[in-house]
Amino acid sequence: MSKSTHSPEIARITKVLTRLEKQSELERSGKLKLLHDDMMLAITPDTGRFLNILISAMNCTKILEVGTSVGYSTLCMALAFKQIQLLQRDFSGNIITIEKSNSKIQQAMNNFNEAGVEKNIQIVEGDALNILKKLNEKLNSRLNNDHKLFDFVFLDADKENLKEYFDLALSLLKKGGIIMTDNILFPEDYKTAMSEYLEYVKVNSKVYSVTVPIGYGEEIIYKIKD
């Protein structure tokens, strides 16, 4: 991420992001050897900047993330909140992020505390499908919930349930909101699953989408109607 020092708060977040980027690069290069479950498996720095720009441009206030890992992508989004605050002093944003690994959650919480953004982030531990279903049930149990819908959803979890994640997330997304999905182009092991996912998304009349060849490939899905 950019080493912006426009404010102490932004500098604090970018310091943590820089540390995590160095760790992620060691993982990708093979210089740091870890078990698969212990790896960050983070988005690339350029994807982080893209994510940050999207959220800043959309002026998002409510974000849902499926797949926290150690919180790198979450911090990129939280950084956008702080950048928006420089322009809008009364701005406040909230991120709900879902993760099933307790060890990853502990690392993420430490990173959020170090970055000073823990008040903006709610980590929900557990199975993403169950949690998304519960969020839908909660939403459907209330009336006039337009203001409760998410502005932005980031999907970066297991690929086996990706179509189900998409359906459940779409119901939680406001019209004009975006679902961004990681790993569309890489790694090659996901190619079949992601091709099926793209076919599934592109026949949905409620959205249109485009693949952006940045990082591991991002699908930007825009909700055009409920």
Protein backbone atom coordinates (compact mmCIF):
# COMPACT_ATOMS: atom_id res chain seq x y z
CA MET A 1 0.00 0.00 0.00
CA SER A 2 0.96 3.65 -0.36
CA LYS A 3 3.11 4.89 2.50
CA SER A 4 0.81 7.89 2.98
CA THR A 5 1.39 9.94 6.12
CA HIS A 6 -1.53 12.35 5.75
CA SER A 7 -2.50 11.48 9.30
CA PRO A 8 -1.07 9.44 12.18
CA GLU A 9 -4.03 7.06 11.84
CA ILE A 10 -3.29 6.34 8.19
CA ALA A 11 0.42 5.97 8.89
CA ARG A 12 -0.39 3.45 11.63
CA ILE A 13 -2.45 1.29 9.26
CA THR A 14 0.07 1.43 6.41
CA LYS A 15 2.83 0.34 8.79
CA VAL A 16 0.93 -2.89 9.53
CA LEU A 17 0.11 -3.37 5.85
CA THR A 18 3.78 -3.01 4.92
CA ARG A 19 4.76 -5.66 7.47
CA LEU A 20 2.12 -8.06 6.18
CA GLU A 21 3.16 -7.44 2.56
CA LYS A 22 6.72 -8.43 3.41
CA GLN A 23 5.50 -11.60 5.09
CA SER A 24 3.26 -12.45 2.14
CA GLU A 25 6.11 -11.94 -0.32
CA LEU A 26 8.29 -14.35 1.69
CA GLU A 27 5.50 -16.92 1.47
CA ARG A 28 5.06 -16.48 -2.28
CA SER A 29 8.81 -16.75 -2.91
CA GLY A 30 9.12 -19.89 -0.81
CA LYS A 31 11.62 -18.24 1.53
CA LEU A 32 9.16 -18.63 4.39
CA LYS A 33 7.90 -22.20 4.53
CA LEU A 34 4.66 -22.77 6.43
CA LEU A 35 1.89 -25.33 6.49
CA HIS A 36 -0.91 -24.33 4.11
CA ASP A 37 -3.33 -23.62 6.96
CA ASP A 38 -0.80 -21.25 8.55
CA MET A 39 -0.13 -19.19 5.43
CA MET A 40 -1.60 -15.71 4.94
CA LEU A 41 -2.74 -16.45 1.37
CA ALA A 42 -3.37 -12.72 1.09
CA ILE A 43 -4.41 -10.71 -1.91
CA THR A 44 -1.55 -8.98 -3.74
CA PRO A 45 -0.59 -5.38 -2.86
CA ASP A 46 -1.93 -4.05 -6.18
CA THR A 47 -5.23 -5.82 -5.51
CA GLY A 48 -5.24 -4.17 -2.09
CA ARG A 49 -4.83 -0.75 -3.67
CA PHE A 50 -7.59 -1.53 -6.18
CA LEU A 51 -9.89 -2.63 -3.34
CA ASN A 52 -9.05 0.54 -1.42
CA ILE A 53 -9.75 2.77 -4.43
CA LEU A 54 -13.11 1.11 -5.14
CA ILE A 55 -14.31 1.52 -1.57
CA SER A 56 -13.08 5.11 -1.36
CA ALA A 57 -14.71 6.05 -4.69
CA MET A 58 -18.00 4.37 -3.70
CA ASN A 59 -17.94 6.06 -0.29
CA CYS A 60 -18.85 2.72 1.28
CA THR A 61 -20.05 2.65 4.88
CA LYS A 62 -21.00 -1.01 5.31
CA ILE A 63 -18.82 -3.86 4.00
CA LEU A 64 -19.04 -7.64 4.21
CA GLU A 65 -15.99 -9.85 3.76
CA VAL A 66 -16.02 -13.64 3.47
CA GLY A 67 -12.55 -14.92 4.33
CA THR A 68 -10.57 -12.76 6.77
CA SER A 69 -7.32 -14.76 6.99
CA VAL A 70 -4.98 -12.53 9.01
CA GLY A 71 -6.76 -9.35 7.94
CA TYR A 72 -4.65 -7.88 5.15
CA SER A 73 -7.57 -7.22 2.79
CA THR A 74 -9.69 -6.05 5.74
CA LEU A 75 -7.02 -3.48 6.58
CA CYS A 76 -7.00 -2.24 2.98
CA MET A 77 -10.72 -1.55 3.38
CA ALA A 78 -10.32 0.01 6.82
CA LEU A 79 -7.65 2.29 5.36
CA ALA A 80 -10.23 3.52 2.84
CA PHE A 81 -12.51 4.48 5.74
CA LYS A 82 -9.74 6.59 7.28
CA GLN A 83 -9.05 8.23 3.93
CA ILE A 84 -12.73 9.10 3.53
CA GLN A 85 -12.70 10.54 7.06
CA LEU A 86 -10.08 13.06 5.98
CA LEU A 87 -12.71 14.47 3.60
CA GLN A 88 -15.81 13.83 5.71
CA ARG A 89 -15.19 14.35 9.41
CA ASP A 90 -18.53 12.84 10.41
CA PHE A 91 -17.97 9.66 8.36
CA SER A 92 -18.04 6.24 10.02
CA GLY A 93 -17.79 2.81 8.42
CA ASN A 94 -18.20 -0.77 9.54
CA ILE A 95 -16.78 -4.06 8.24
CA ILE A 96 -18.17 -7.49 9.08
CA THR A 97 -15.62 -10.16 8.21
CA ILE A 98 -16.13 -13.92 8.43
CA GLU A 99 -13.41 -16.46 9.25
CA LYS A 100 -13.56 -20.08 10.43
CA SER A 101 -9.95 -20.47 11.63
CA ASN A 102 -9.53 -19.39 15.25
CA SER A 103 -5.75 -19.02 14.87
CA LYS A 104 -6.23 -16.72 11.87
CA ILE A 105 -8.79 -14.71 13.83
CA GLN A 106 -6.34 -14.19 16.67
CA GLN A 107 -3.69 -12.97 14.23
CA ALA A 108 -6.22 -10.70 12.52
CA MET A 109 -7.35 -9.21 15.83
CA ASN A 110 -3.74 -8.47 16.77
CA ASN A 111 -3.21 -6.78 13.41
CA PHE A 112 -6.39 -4.71 13.74
CA ASN A 113 -5.42 -3.62 17.25
CA GLU A 114 -1.93 -2.69 16.10
CA ALA A 115 -3.41 -0.68 13.23
CA GLY A 116 -5.94 0.99 15.53
CA VAL A 117 -9.01 -0.02 13.50
CA GLU A 118 -10.55 -2.65 15.76
CA LYS A 119 -13.62 -0.47 16.46
CA ASN A 120 -14.53 -0.48 12.77
CA ILE A 121 -14.29 -4.24 12.33
CA GLN A 122 -16.48 -7.08 13.58
CA ILE A 123 -15.02 -10.58 13.14
CA VAL A 124 -17.58 -13.37 13.02
CA GLU A 125 -16.14 -16.83 13.63
CA GLY A 126 -17.68 -19.87 12.01
CA ASP A 127 -18.92 -21.48 8.82
CA ALA A 128 -19.52 -18.78 6.21
CA LEU A 129 -22.61 -20.44 4.70
CA ASN A 130 -24.35 -20.64 8.07
CA ILE A 131 -23.40 -17.08 8.97
CA LEU A 132 -24.59 -15.69 5.63
CA LYS A 133 -27.88 -17.54 6.01
CA LYS A 134 -28.33 -16.06 9.48
CA LEU A 135 -27.60 -12.56 8.16
CA ASN A 136 -30.28 -13.09 5.50
CA GLU A 137 -32.77 -14.34 8.08
CA LYS A 138 -32.09 -11.31 10.25
CA LEU A 139 -32.55 -8.99 7.29
CA ASN A 140 -35.79 -10.63 6.17
CA SER A 141 -37.26 -10.44 9.67
CA ARG A 142 -37.32 -6.64 9.51
CA LEU A 143 -39.14 -4.05 7.43
CA ASN A 144 -37.68 -1.15 5.43
CA ASN A 145 -34.14 -2.49 5.51
CA ASP A 146 -32.64 -0.67 2.53
CA HIS A 147 -30.29 1.26 4.83
CA LYS A 148 -29.17 -2.01 6.41
CA LEU A 149 -27.87 -3.56 3.18
CA PHE A 150 -24.16 -3.80 2.42
CA ASP A 151 -22.49 -1.43 -0.05
CA PHE A 152 -19.69 -3.84 -0.88
CA VAL A 153 -18.94 -7.56 -0.49
CA PHE A 154 -15.53 -9.19 -0.88
CA LEU A 155 -15.49 -12.96 -1.47
CA ASP A 156 -12.14 -14.61 -0.76
CA ALA A 157 -12.86 -17.94 0.91
CA ASP A 158 -13.12 -21.59 -0.19
CA LYS A 159 -14.14 -22.02 -3.81
CA GLU A 160 -16.37 -25.07 -3.32
CA ASN A 161 -19.20 -22.95 -1.94
CA LEU A 162 -18.57 -19.84 -4.01
CA LYS A 163 -21.86 -19.91 -5.93
CA GLU A 164 -23.78 -20.23 -2.66
CA TYR A 165 -21.76 -17.37 -1.15
CA PHE A 166 -22.62 -15.25 -4.17
CA ASP A 167 -26.37 -15.93 -3.92
CA LEU A 168 -26.49 -15.20 -0.21
CA ALA A 169 -24.29 -12.12 -0.52
CA LEU A 170 -26.35 -10.74 -3.40
CA SER A 171 -29.45 -10.76 -1.19
CA LEU A 172 -27.53 -8.71 1.38
CA LEU A 173 -26.21 -6.20 -1.17
CA LYS A 174 -27.94 -2.94 -1.99
CA LYS A 175 -28.82 -2.08 -5.58
CA GLY A 176 -25.80 -0.29 -6.99
CA GLY A 177 -23.47 -2.23 -4.72
CA ILE A 178 -20.52 -4.42 -5.76
CA ILE A 179 -19.41 -7.97 -5.06
CA MET A 180 -15.69 -8.45 -5.72
CA THR A 181 -14.39 -12.02 -6.02
CA ASP A 182 -10.71 -12.99 -5.78
CA ASN A 183 -8.73 -15.75 -7.58
CA ILE A 184 -10.63 -15.56 -10.87
CA LEU A 185 -7.48 -16.15 -12.96
CA PHE A 186 -4.97 -17.70 -10.57
CA PRO A 187 -3.88 -20.11 -9.21
CA GLU A 188 -4.48 -22.63 -11.98
CA ASP A 189 -5.89 -25.16 -9.50
CA TYR A 190 -9.02 -22.99 -9.23
CA LYS A 191 -9.54 -22.63 -12.98
CA THR A 192 -12.43 -25.09 -13.32
CA ALA A 193 -14.24 -23.85 -10.23
CA MET A 194 -13.87 -20.22 -11.24
CA SER A 195 -15.03 -20.87 -14.80
CA GLU A 196 -18.19 -22.44 -13.42
CA TYR A 197 -18.63 -19.51 -11.07
CA LEU A 198 -18.32 -16.97 -13.87
CA GLU A 199 -20.86 -18.82 -16.00
CA TYR A 200 -23.21 -18.83 -13.02
CA VAL A 201 -22.80 -15.11 -12.36
CA LYS A 202 -23.12 -13.99 -15.97
CA VAL A 203 -26.58 -15.56 -16.44
CA ASN A 204 -27.94 -13.74 -13.39
CA SER A 205 -30.16 -10.91 -14.64
CA LYS A 206 -29.71 -8.91 -11.45
CA VAL A 207 -26.04 -8.17 -12.13
CA TYR A 208 -23.42 -7.51 -14.74
CA SER A 209 -19.74 -8.09 -14.25
CA VAL A 210 -16.23 -7.75 -15.63
CA THR A 211 -12.98 -9.58 -14.97
CA VAL A 212 -10.11 -7.29 -13.99
CA PRO A 213 -6.65 -8.88 -14.59
CA ILE A 214 -5.03 -7.51 -11.46
CA GLY A 215 -3.32 -9.69 -8.86
CA TYR A 216 -4.89 -13.15 -9.04
CA GLY A 217 -7.81 -11.83 -11.09
CA GLU A 218 -10.85 -10.04 -9.70
CA GLU A 219 -14.47 -10.29 -10.79
CA ILE A 220 -16.29 -7.00 -10.24
CA ILE A 221 -20.02 -7.72 -10.04
CA TYR A 222 -22.42 -4.76 -10.07
CA LYS A 223 -25.98 -5.23 -8.80
CA ILE A 224 -28.38 -3.49 -11.16
CA LYS A 225 -31.70 -4.59 -9.66
CA ASP A 226 -33.24 -6.39 -6.70
